[in-house]
Amino acid sequence: MTFVAAFGITKAVTNLVAGALSDRYGRRPVLIAGWLVGLP
């Protein structure tokens, strides 16, 4: 279950960062950055 734990903890922290970044810099740049990270 370590793969679920790694996913969940990372996603949780990133949600927090995404919300703050979206309020400060806008939604669209955060969305595009997320897809770039997901490609590999």
ModelCIF file with pLDDT and N, C-alpha, C, O atoms, coordinates in Angstrom:
data_MODEL
#
_entry.id   MODEL 
#
_entity.id                         1 
_entity.type                       polymer 
_entity.pdbx_number_of_molecules   1 
#
_entity_poly.entity_id                      1 
_entity_poly.type                           'polypeptide(L)' 
_entity_poly.nstd_linkage                   no 
_entity_poly.nstd_monomer                   no 
_entity_poly.pdbx_seq_one_letter_code       MTFVAAFGITKAVTNLVAGALSDRYGRRPVLIAGWLVGLP 
_entity_poly.pdbx_seq_one_letter_code_can   MTFVAAFGITKAVTNLVAGALSDRYGRRPVLIAGWLVGLP 
_entity_poly.pdbx_strand_id                 A 
#
loop_
_entity_poly_seq.entity_id 
_entity_poly_seq.num 
_entity_poly_seq.mon_id 
_entity_poly_seq.hetero 
1 1  MET n 
1 2  THR n 
1 3  PHE n 
1 4  VAL n 
1 5  ALA n 
1 6  ALA n 
1 7  PHE n 
1 8  GLY n 
1 9  ILE n 
1 10 THR n 
1 11 LYS n 
1 12 ALA n 
1 13 VAL n 
1 14 THR n 
1 15 ASN n 
1 16 LEU n 
1 17 VAL n 
1 18 ALA n 
1 19 GLY n 
1 20 ALA n 
1 21 LEU n 
1 22 SER n 
1 23 ASP n 
1 24 ARG n 
1 25 TYR n 
1 26 GLY n 
1 27 ARG n 
1 28 ARG n 
1 29 PRO n 
1 30 VAL n 
1 31 LEU n 
1 32 ILE n 
1 33 ALA n 
1 34 GLY n 
1 35 TRP n 
1 36 LEU n 
1 37 VAL n 
1 38 GLY n 
1 39 LEU n 
1 40 PRO n 
#
_struct_asym.id          A 
_struct_asym.entity_id   1 
#
loop_
_ma_qa_metric.id 
_ma_qa_metric.mode 
_ma_qa_metric.name 
_ma_qa_metric.software_group_id 
_ma_qa_metric.type 
1 global pLDDT . pLDDT 
2 local  pLDDT . pLDDT 
#
_ma_qa_metric_global.metric_id      1 
_ma_qa_metric_global.metric_value   88.83 
_ma_qa_metric_global.model_id       1 
_ma_qa_metric_global.ordinal_id     1 
#
loop_
_ma_qa_metric_local.label_asym_id 
_ma_qa_metric_local.label_comp_id 
_ma_qa_metric_local.label_seq_id 
_ma_qa_metric_local.metric_id 
_ma_qa_metric_local.metric_value 
_ma_qa_metric_local.model_id 
_ma_qa_metric_local.ordinal_id 
A MET 1  2 75.00 1 1  
A THR 2  2 81.00 1 2  
A PHE 3  2 81.00 1 3  
A VAL 4  2 80.00 1 4  
A ALA 5  2 82.00 1 5  
A ALA 6  2 86.00 1 6  
A PHE 7  2 86.00 1 7  
A GLY 8  2 83.00 1 8  
A ILE 9  2 88.00 1 9  
A THR 10 2 92.00 1 10 
A LYS 11 2 87.00 1 11 
A ALA 12 2 86.00 1 12 
A VAL 13 2 89.00 1 13 
A THR 14 2 92.00 1 14 
A ASN 15 2 83.00 1 15 
A LEU 16 2 84.00 1 16 
A VAL 17 2 88.00 1 17 
A ALA 18 2 88.00 1 18 
A GLY 19 2 81.00 1 19 
A ALA 20 2 81.00 1 20 
A LEU 21 2 88.00 1 21 
A SER 22 2 87.00 1 22 
A ASP 23 2 81.00 1 23 
A ARG 24 2 83.00 1 24 
A TYR 25 2 88.00 1 25 
A GLY 26 2 91.00 1 26 
A ARG 27 2 92.00 1 27 
A ARG 28 2 95.00 1 28 
A PRO 29 2 95.00 1 29 
A VAL 30 2 95.00 1 30 
A LEU 31 2 96.00 1 31 
A ILE 32 2 97.00 1 32 
A ALA 33 2 97.00 1 33 
A GLY 34 2 96.00 1 34 
A TRP 35 2 97.00 1 35 
A LEU 36 2 97.00 1 36 
A VAL 37 2 97.00 1 37 
A GLY 38 2 96.00 1 38 
A LEU 39 2 96.00 1 39 
A PRO 40 2 96.00 1 40 
#
loop_
_atom_site.group_PDB 
_atom_site.id 
_atom_site.type_symbol 
_atom_site.label_atom_id 
_atom_site.label_alt_id 
_atom_site.label_comp_id 
_atom_site.label_asym_id 
_atom_site.label_entity_id 
_atom_site.label_seq_id 
_atom_site.pdbx_PDB_ins_code 
_atom_site.Cartn_x 
_atom_site.Cartn_y 
_atom_site.Cartn_z 
_atom_site.occupancy 
_atom_site.B_iso_or_equiv 
_atom_site.pdbx_formal_charge 
_atom_site.auth_seq_id 
_atom_site.auth_comp_id 
_atom_site.auth_asym_id 
_atom_site.auth_atom_id 
_atom_site.pdbx_PDB_model_num 
ATOM 1   N N  . MET A 1 1  ? 0.809  -1.224 0.000   1.00 75.00 ? 1  MET A N  1 
ATOM 2   C CA . MET A 1 1  ? 0.000  0.000  0.000   1.00 75.00 ? 1  MET A CA 1 
ATOM 3   C C  . MET A 1 1  ? 0.839  1.269  0.000   1.00 75.00 ? 1  MET A C  1 
ATOM 4   O O  . MET A 1 1  ? 0.287  2.369  0.029   1.00 75.00 ? 1  MET A O  1 
ATOM 5   N N  . THR A 1 2  ? 2.153  1.140  -0.031  1.00 81.00 ? 2  THR A N  1 
ATOM 6   C CA . THR A 1 2  ? 2.994  2.340  -0.053  1.00 81.00 ? 2  THR A CA 1 
ATOM 7   C C  . THR A 1 2  ? 2.725  3.201  -1.278  1.00 81.00 ? 2  THR A C  1 
ATOM 8   O O  . THR A 1 2  ? 2.915  4.416  -1.224  1.00 81.00 ? 2  THR A O  1 
ATOM 9   N N  . PHE A 1 3  ? 2.290  2.605  -2.379  1.00 81.00 ? 3  PHE A N  1 
ATOM 10  C CA . PHE A 1 3  ? 2.026  3.422  -3.571  1.00 81.00 ? 3  PHE A CA 1 
ATOM 11  C C  . PHE A 1 3  ? 0.807  4.316  -3.342  1.00 81.00 ? 3  PHE A C  1 
ATOM 12  O O  . PHE A 1 3  ? 0.786  5.453  -3.814  1.00 81.00 ? 3  PHE A O  1 
ATOM 13  N N  . VAL A 1 4  ? -0.203 3.825  -2.628  1.00 80.00 ? 4  VAL A N  1 
ATOM 14  C CA . VAL A 1 4  ? -1.361 4.658  -2.317  1.00 80.00 ? 4  VAL A CA 1 
ATOM 15  C C  . VAL A 1 4  ? -0.967 5.751  -1.332  1.00 80.00 ? 4  VAL A C  1 
ATOM 16  O O  . VAL A 1 4  ? -1.399 6.895  -1.467  1.00 80.00 ? 4  VAL A O  1 
ATOM 17  N N  . ALA A 1 5  ? -0.147 5.402  -0.341  1.00 82.00 ? 5  ALA A N  1 
ATOM 18  C CA . ALA A 1 5  ? 0.296  6.393  0.638   1.00 82.00 ? 5  ALA A CA 1 
ATOM 19  C C  . ALA A 1 5  ? 1.102  7.499  -0.029  1.00 82.00 ? 5  ALA A C  1 
ATOM 20  O O  . ALA A 1 5  ? 0.895  8.679  0.254   1.00 82.00 ? 5  ALA A O  1 
ATOM 21  N N  . ALA A 1 6  ? 2.017  7.121  -0.914  1.00 86.00 ? 6  ALA A N  1 
ATOM 22  C CA . ALA A 1 6  ? 2.836  8.119  -1.607  1.00 86.00 ? 6  ALA A CA 1 
ATOM 23  C C  . ALA A 1 6  ? 1.960  9.052  -2.437  1.00 86.00 ? 6  ALA A C  1 
ATOM 24  O O  . ALA A 1 6  ? 2.151  10.268 -2.438  1.00 86.00 ? 6  ALA A O  1 
ATOM 25  N N  . PHE A 1 7  ? 1.005  8.467  -3.137  1.00 86.00 ? 7  PHE A N  1 
ATOM 26  C CA . PHE A 1 7  ? 0.083  9.264  -3.945  1.00 86.00 ? 7  PHE A CA 1 
ATOM 27  C C  . PHE A 1 7  ? -0.743 10.206 -3.069  1.00 86.00 ? 7  PHE A C  1 
ATOM 28  O O  . PHE A 1 7  ? -0.820 11.405 -3.339  1.00 86.00 ? 7  PHE A O  1 
ATOM 29  N N  . GLY A 1 8  ? -1.355 9.662  -2.025  1.00 83.00 ? 8  GLY A N  1 
ATOM 30  C CA . GLY A 1 8  ? -2.277 10.444 -1.222  1.00 83.00 ? 8  GLY A CA 1 
ATOM 31  C C  . GLY A 1 8  ? -1.619 11.588 -0.479  1.00 83.00 ? 8  GLY A C  1 
ATOM 32  O O  . GLY A 1 8  ? -2.143 12.702 -0.460  1.00 83.00 ? 8  GLY A O  1 
ATOM 33  N N  . ILE A 1 9  ? -0.471 11.325 0.134   1.00 88.00 ? 9  ILE A N  1 
ATOM 34  C CA . ILE A 1 9  ? 0.205  12.374 0.896   1.00 88.00 ? 9  ILE A CA 1 
ATOM 35  C C  . ILE A 1 9  ? 0.696  13.474 -0.041  1.00 88.00 ? 9  ILE A C  1 
ATOM 36  O O  . ILE A 1 9  ? 0.559  14.660 0.260   1.00 88.00 ? 9  ILE A O  1 
ATOM 37  N N  . THR A 1 10 ? 1.266  13.079 -1.176  1.00 92.00 ? 10 THR A N  1 
ATOM 38  C CA . THR A 1 10 ? 1.762  14.077 -2.125  1.00 92.00 ? 10 THR A CA 1 
ATOM 39  C C  . THR A 1 10 ? 0.616  14.899 -2.697  1.00 92.00 ? 10 THR A C  1 
ATOM 40  O O  . THR A 1 10 ? 0.718  16.120 -2.808  1.00 92.00 ? 10 THR A O  1 
ATOM 41  N N  . LYS A 1 11 ? -0.473 14.231 -3.059  1.00 87.00 ? 11 LYS A N  1 
ATOM 42  C CA . LYS A 1 11 ? -1.621 14.952 -3.609  1.00 87.00 ? 11 LYS A CA 1 
ATOM 43  C C  . LYS A 1 11 ? -2.199 15.914 -2.579  1.00 87.00 ? 11 LYS A C  1 
ATOM 44  O O  . LYS A 1 11 ? -2.576 17.037 -2.914  1.00 87.00 ? 11 LYS A O  1 
ATOM 45  N N  . ALA A 1 12 ? -2.269 15.473 -1.326  1.00 86.00 ? 12 ALA A N  1 
ATOM 46  C CA . ALA A 1 12 ? -2.838 16.317 -0.280  1.00 86.00 ? 12 ALA A CA 1 
ATOM 47  C C  . ALA A 1 12 ? -2.052 17.614 -0.123  1.00 86.00 ? 12 ALA A C  1 
ATOM 48  O O  . ALA A 1 12 ? -2.636 18.697 -0.088  1.00 86.00 ? 12 ALA A O  1 
ATOM 49  N N  . VAL A 1 13 ? -0.736 17.504 -0.030  1.00 89.00 ? 13 VAL A N  1 
ATOM 50  C CA . VAL A 1 13 ? 0.096  18.693 0.134   1.00 89.00 ? 13 VAL A CA 1 
ATOM 51  C C  . VAL A 1 13 ? 0.013  19.575 -1.110  1.00 89.00 ? 13 VAL A C  1 
ATOM 52  O O  . VAL A 1 13 ? -0.020 20.801 -1.004  1.00 89.00 ? 13 VAL A O  1 
ATOM 53  N N  . THR A 1 14 ? -0.021 18.953 -2.283  1.00 92.00 ? 14 THR A N  1 
ATOM 54  C CA . THR A 1 14 ? -0.097 19.724 -3.524  1.00 92.00 ? 14 THR A CA 1 
ATOM 55  C C  . THR A 1 14 ? -1.421 20.463 -3.644  1.00 92.00 ? 14 THR A C  1 
ATOM 56  O O  . THR A 1 14 ? -1.457 21.573 -4.175  1.00 92.00 ? 14 THR A O  1 
ATOM 57  N N  . ASN A 1 15 ? -2.519 19.864 -3.159  1.00 83.00 ? 15 ASN A N  1 
ATOM 58  C CA . ASN A 1 15 ? -3.800 20.571 -3.150  1.00 83.00 ? 15 ASN A CA 1 
ATOM 59  C C  . ASN A 1 15 ? -3.689 21.907 -2.429  1.00 83.00 ? 15 ASN A C  1 
ATOM 60  O O  . ASN A 1 15 ? -4.192 22.929 -2.895  1.00 83.00 ? 15 ASN A O  1 
ATOM 61  N N  . LEU A 1 16 ? -3.017 21.875 -1.281  1.00 84.00 ? 16 LEU A N  1 
ATOM 62  C CA . LEU A 1 16 ? -2.859 23.086 -0.484  1.00 84.00 ? 16 LEU A CA 1 
ATOM 63  C C  . LEU A 1 16 ? -2.072 24.139 -1.254  1.00 84.00 ? 16 LEU A C  1 
ATOM 64  O O  . LEU A 1 16 ? -2.449 25.310 -1.295  1.00 84.00 ? 16 LEU A O  1 
ATOM 65  N N  . VAL A 1 17 ? -0.975 23.701 -1.861  1.00 88.00 ? 17 VAL A N  1 
ATOM 66  C CA . VAL A 1 17 ? -0.145 24.610 -2.654  1.00 88.00 ? 17 VAL A CA 1 
ATOM 67  C C  . VAL A 1 17 ? -0.920 25.123 -3.861  1.00 88.00 ? 17 VAL A C  1 
ATOM 68  O O  . VAL A 1 17 ? -0.840 26.305 -4.197  1.00 88.00 ? 17 VAL A O  1 
ATOM 69  N N  . ALA A 1 18 ? -1.669 24.238 -4.512  1.00 88.00 ? 18 ALA A N  1 
ATOM 70  C CA . ALA A 1 18 ? -2.423 24.630 -5.712  1.00 88.00 ? 18 ALA A CA 1 
ATOM 71  C C  . ALA A 1 18 ? -3.436 25.713 -5.396  1.00 88.00 ? 18 ALA A C  1 
ATOM 72  O O  . ALA A 1 18 ? -3.597 26.655 -6.172  1.00 88.00 ? 18 ALA A O  1 
ATOM 73  N N  . GLY A 1 19 ? -4.128 25.593 -4.259  1.00 81.00 ? 19 GLY A N  1 
ATOM 74  C CA . GLY A 1 19 ? -5.099 26.604 -3.892  1.00 81.00 ? 19 GLY A CA 1 
ATOM 75  C C  . GLY A 1 19 ? -4.462 27.972 -3.691  1.00 81.00 ? 19 GLY A C  1 
ATOM 76  O O  . GLY A 1 19 ? -4.969 28.983 -4.177  1.00 81.00 ? 19 GLY A O  1 
ATOM 77  N N  . ALA A 1 20 ? -3.336 27.991 -2.964  1.00 81.00 ? 20 ALA A N  1 
ATOM 78  C CA . ALA A 1 20 ? -2.654 29.265 -2.726  1.00 81.00 ? 20 ALA A CA 1 
ATOM 79  C C  . ALA A 1 20 ? -2.121 29.855 -4.029  1.00 81.00 ? 20 ALA A C  1 
ATOM 80  O O  . ALA A 1 20 ? -2.244 31.059 -4.257  1.00 81.00 ? 20 ALA A O  1 
ATOM 81  N N  . LEU A 1 21 ? -1.534 29.028 -4.881  1.00 88.00 ? 21 LEU A N  1 
ATOM 82  C CA . LEU A 1 21 ? -0.996 29.507 -6.156  1.00 88.00 ? 21 LEU A CA 1 
ATOM 83  C C  . LEU A 1 21 ? -2.109 30.005 -7.072  1.00 88.00 ? 21 LEU A C  1 
ATOM 84  O O  . LEU A 1 21 ? -1.932 30.989 -7.791  1.00 88.00 ? 21 LEU A O  1 
ATOM 85  N N  . SER A 1 22 ? -3.254 29.328 -7.048  1.00 87.00 ? 22 SER A N  1 
ATOM 86  C CA . SER A 1 22 ? -4.372 29.742 -7.902  1.00 87.00 ? 22 SER A CA 1 
ATOM 87  C C  . SER A 1 22 ? -4.913 31.098 -7.494  1.00 87.00 ? 22 SER A C  1 
ATOM 88  O O  . SER A 1 22 ? -5.274 31.906 -8.350  1.00 87.00 ? 22 SER A O  1 
ATOM 89  N N  . ASP A 1 23 ? -4.974 31.357 -6.196  1.00 81.00 ? 23 ASP A N  1 
ATOM 90  C CA . ASP A 1 23 ? -5.432 32.661 -5.738  1.00 81.00 ? 23 ASP A CA 1 
ATOM 91  C C  . ASP A 1 23 ? -4.429 33.764 -6.073  1.00 81.00 ? 23 ASP A C  1 
ATOM 92  O O  . ASP A 1 23 ? -4.810 34.910 -6.313  1.00 81.00 ? 23 ASP A O  1 
ATOM 93  N N  . ARG A 1 24 ? -3.151 33.407 -6.086  1.00 83.00 ? 24 ARG A N  1 
ATOM 94  C CA . ARG A 1 24 ? -2.115 34.429 -6.296  1.00 83.00 ? 24 ARG A CA 1 
ATOM 95  C C  . ARG A 1 24 ? -1.803 34.648 -7.772  1.00 83.00 ? 24 ARG A C  1 
ATOM 96  O O  . ARG A 1 24 ? -1.712 35.792 -8.218  1.00 83.00 ? 24 ARG A O  1 
ATOM 97  N N  . TYR A 1 25 ? -1.637 33.567 -8.539  1.00 88.00 ? 25 TYR A N  1 
ATOM 98  C CA . TYR A 1 25 ? -1.139 33.686 -9.911  1.00 88.00 ? 25 TYR A CA 1 
ATOM 99  C C  . TYR A 1 25 ? -2.176 33.349 -10.976 1.00 88.00 ? 25 TYR A C  1 
ATOM 100 O O  . TYR A 1 25 ? -1.949 33.611 -12.157 1.00 88.00 ? 25 TYR A O  1 
ATOM 101 N N  . GLY A 1 26 ? -3.299 32.777 -10.584 1.00 91.00 ? 26 GLY A N  1 
ATOM 102 C CA . GLY A 1 26 ? -4.293 32.369 -11.565 1.00 91.00 ? 26 GLY A CA 1 
ATOM 103 C C  . GLY A 1 26 ? -4.391 30.865 -11.669 1.00 91.00 ? 26 GLY A C  1 
ATOM 104 O O  . GLY A 1 26 ? -3.487 30.136 -11.262 1.00 91.00 ? 26 GLY A O  1 
ATOM 105 N N  . ARG A 1 27 ? -5.521 30.401 -12.231 1.00 92.00 ? 27 ARG A N  1 
ATOM 106 C CA . ARG A 1 27 ? -5.808 28.960 -12.293 1.00 92.00 ? 27 ARG A CA 1 
ATOM 107 C C  . ARG A 1 27 ? -5.070 28.267 -13.448 1.00 92.00 ? 27 ARG A C  1 
ATOM 108 O O  . ARG A 1 27 ? -4.522 27.179 -13.271 1.00 92.00 ? 27 ARG A O  1 
ATOM 109 N N  . ARG A 1 28 ? -5.057 28.888 -14.608 1.00 95.00 ? 28 ARG A N  1 
ATOM 110 C CA . ARG A 1 28 ? -4.563 28.235 -15.818 1.00 95.00 ? 28 ARG A CA 1 
ATOM 111 C C  . ARG A 1 28 ? -3.087 27.830 -15.726 1.00 95.00 ? 28 ARG A C  1 
ATOM 112 O O  . ARG A 1 28 ? -2.766 26.707 -16.115 1.00 95.00 ? 28 ARG A O  1 
ATOM 113 N N  . PRO A 1 29 ? -2.162 28.681 -15.230 1.00 95.00 ? 29 PRO A N  1 
ATOM 114 C CA . PRO A 1 29 ? -0.767 28.245 -15.139 1.00 95.00 ? 29 PRO A CA 1 
ATOM 115 C C  . PRO A 1 29 ? -0.585 27.023 -14.242 1.00 95.00 ? 29 PRO A C  1 
ATOM 116 O O  . PRO A 1 29 ? 0.260  26.170 -14.510 1.00 95.00 ? 29 PRO A O  1 
ATOM 117 N N  . VAL A 1 30 ? -1.386 26.943 -13.170 1.00 95.00 ? 30 VAL A N  1 
ATOM 118 C CA . VAL A 1 30 ? -1.294 25.795 -12.264 1.00 95.00 ? 30 VAL A CA 1 
ATOM 119 C C  . VAL A 1 30 ? -1.766 24.524 -12.975 1.00 95.00 ? 30 VAL A C  1 
ATOM 120 O O  . VAL A 1 30 ? -1.176 23.457 -12.803 1.00 95.00 ? 30 VAL A O  1 
ATOM 121 N N  . LEU A 1 31 ? -2.824 24.641 -13.768 1.00 96.00 ? 31 LEU A N  1 
ATOM 122 C CA . LEU A 1 31 ? -3.346 23.502 -14.522 1.00 96.00 ? 31 LEU A CA 1 
ATOM 123 C C  . LEU A 1 31 ? -2.309 22.967 -15.508 1.00 96.00 ? 31 LEU A C  1 
ATOM 124 O O  . LEU A 1 31 ? -2.091 21.758 -15.587 1.00 96.00 ? 31 LEU A O  1 
ATOM 125 N N  . ILE A 1 32 ? -1.679 23.854 -16.251 1.00 97.00 ? 32 ILE A N  1 
ATOM 126 C CA . ILE A 1 32 ? -0.683 23.423 -17.240 1.00 97.00 ? 32 ILE A CA 1 
ATOM 127 C C  . ILE A 1 32 ? 0.523  22.788 -16.550 1.00 97.00 ? 32 ILE A C  1 
ATOM 128 O O  . ILE A 1 32 ? 1.042  21.774 -17.017 1.00 97.00 ? 32 ILE A O  1 
ATOM 129 N N  . ALA A 1 33 ? 0.968  23.378 -15.442 1.00 97.00 ? 33 ALA A N  1 
ATOM 130 C CA . ALA A 1 33 ? 2.093  22.803 -14.702 1.00 97.00 ? 33 ALA A CA 1 
ATOM 131 C C  . ALA A 1 33 ? 1.771  21.382 -14.238 1.00 97.00 ? 33 ALA A C  1 
ATOM 132 O O  . ALA A 1 33 ? 2.637  20.508 -14.259 1.00 97.00 ? 33 ALA A O  1 
ATOM 133 N N  . GLY A 1 34 ? 0.524  21.153 -13.820 1.00 96.00 ? 34 GLY A N  1 
ATOM 134 C CA . GLY A 1 34 ? 0.136  19.813 -13.374 1.00 96.00 ? 34 GLY A CA 1 
ATOM 135 C C  . GLY A 1 34 ? 0.240  18.779 -14.476 1.00 96.00 ? 34 GLY A C  1 
ATOM 136 O O  . GLY A 1 34 ? 0.662  17.649 -14.230 1.00 96.00 ? 34 GLY A O  1 
ATOM 137 N N  . TRP A 1 35 ? -0.140 19.154 -15.692 1.00 97.00 ? 35 TRP A N  1 
ATOM 138 C CA . TRP A 1 35 ? -0.033 18.197 -16.797 1.00 97.00 ? 35 TRP A CA 1 
ATOM 139 C C  . TRP A 1 35 ? 1.424  17.913 -17.154 1.00 97.00 ? 35 TRP A C  1 
ATOM 140 O O  . TRP A 1 35 ? 1.762  16.781 -17.501 1.00 97.00 ? 35 TRP A O  1 
ATOM 141 N N  . LEU A 1 36 ? 2.280  18.908 -17.076 1.00 97.00 ? 36 LEU A N  1 
ATOM 142 C CA . LEU A 1 36 ? 3.700  18.679 -17.359 1.00 97.00 ? 36 LEU A CA 1 
ATOM 143 C C  . LEU A 1 36 ? 4.298  17.675 -16.374 1.00 97.00 ? 36 LEU A C  1 
ATOM 144 O O  . LEU A 1 36 ? 5.098  16.822 -16.756 1.00 97.00 ? 36 LEU A O  1 
ATOM 145 N N  . VAL A 1 37 ? 3.905  17.784 -15.109 1.00 97.00 ? 37 VAL A N  1 
ATOM 146 C CA . VAL A 1 37 ? 4.408  16.841 -14.101 1.00 97.00 ? 37 VAL A CA 1 
ATOM 147 C C  . VAL A 1 37 ? 3.866  15.436 -14.343 1.00 97.00 ? 37 VAL A C  1 
ATOM 148 O O  . VAL A 1 37 ? 4.550  14.452 -14.062 1.00 97.00 ? 37 VAL A O  1 
ATOM 149 N N  . GLY A 1 38 ? 2.640  15.335 -14.864 1.00 96.00 ? 38 GLY A N  1 
ATOM 150 C CA . GLY A 1 38 ? 2.028  14.023 -15.057 1.00 96.00 ? 38 GLY A CA 1 
ATOM 151 C C  . GLY A 1 38 ? 2.543  13.236 -16.241 1.00 96.00 ? 38 GLY A C  1 
ATOM 152 O O  . GLY A 1 38 ? 2.362  12.019 -16.291 1.00 96.00 ? 38 GLY A O  1 
ATOM 153 N N  . LEU A 1 39 ? 3.175  13.891 -17.191 1.00 96.00 ? 39 LEU A N  1 
ATOM 154 C CA . LEU A 1 39 ? 3.618  13.181 -18.401 1.00 96.00 ? 39 LEU A CA 1 
ATOM 155 C C  . LEU A 1 39 ? 4.514  11.962 -18.137 1.00 96.00 ? 39 LEU A C  1 
ATOM 156 O O  . LEU A 1 39 ? 4.315  10.931 -18.779 1.00 96.00 ? 39 LEU A O  1 
ATOM 157 N N  . PRO A 1 40 ? 5.499  12.036 -17.215 1.00 96.00 ? 40 PRO A N  1 
ATOM 158 C CA . PRO A 1 40 ? 6.383  10.873 -17.026 1.00 96.00 ? 40 PRO A CA 1 
ATOM 159 C C  . PRO A 1 40 ? 5.742  9.698  -16.305 1.00 96.00 ? 40 PRO A C  1 
ATOM 160 O O  . PRO A 1 40 ? 6.392  8.674  -16.094 1.00 96.00 ? 40 PRO A O  1 
#
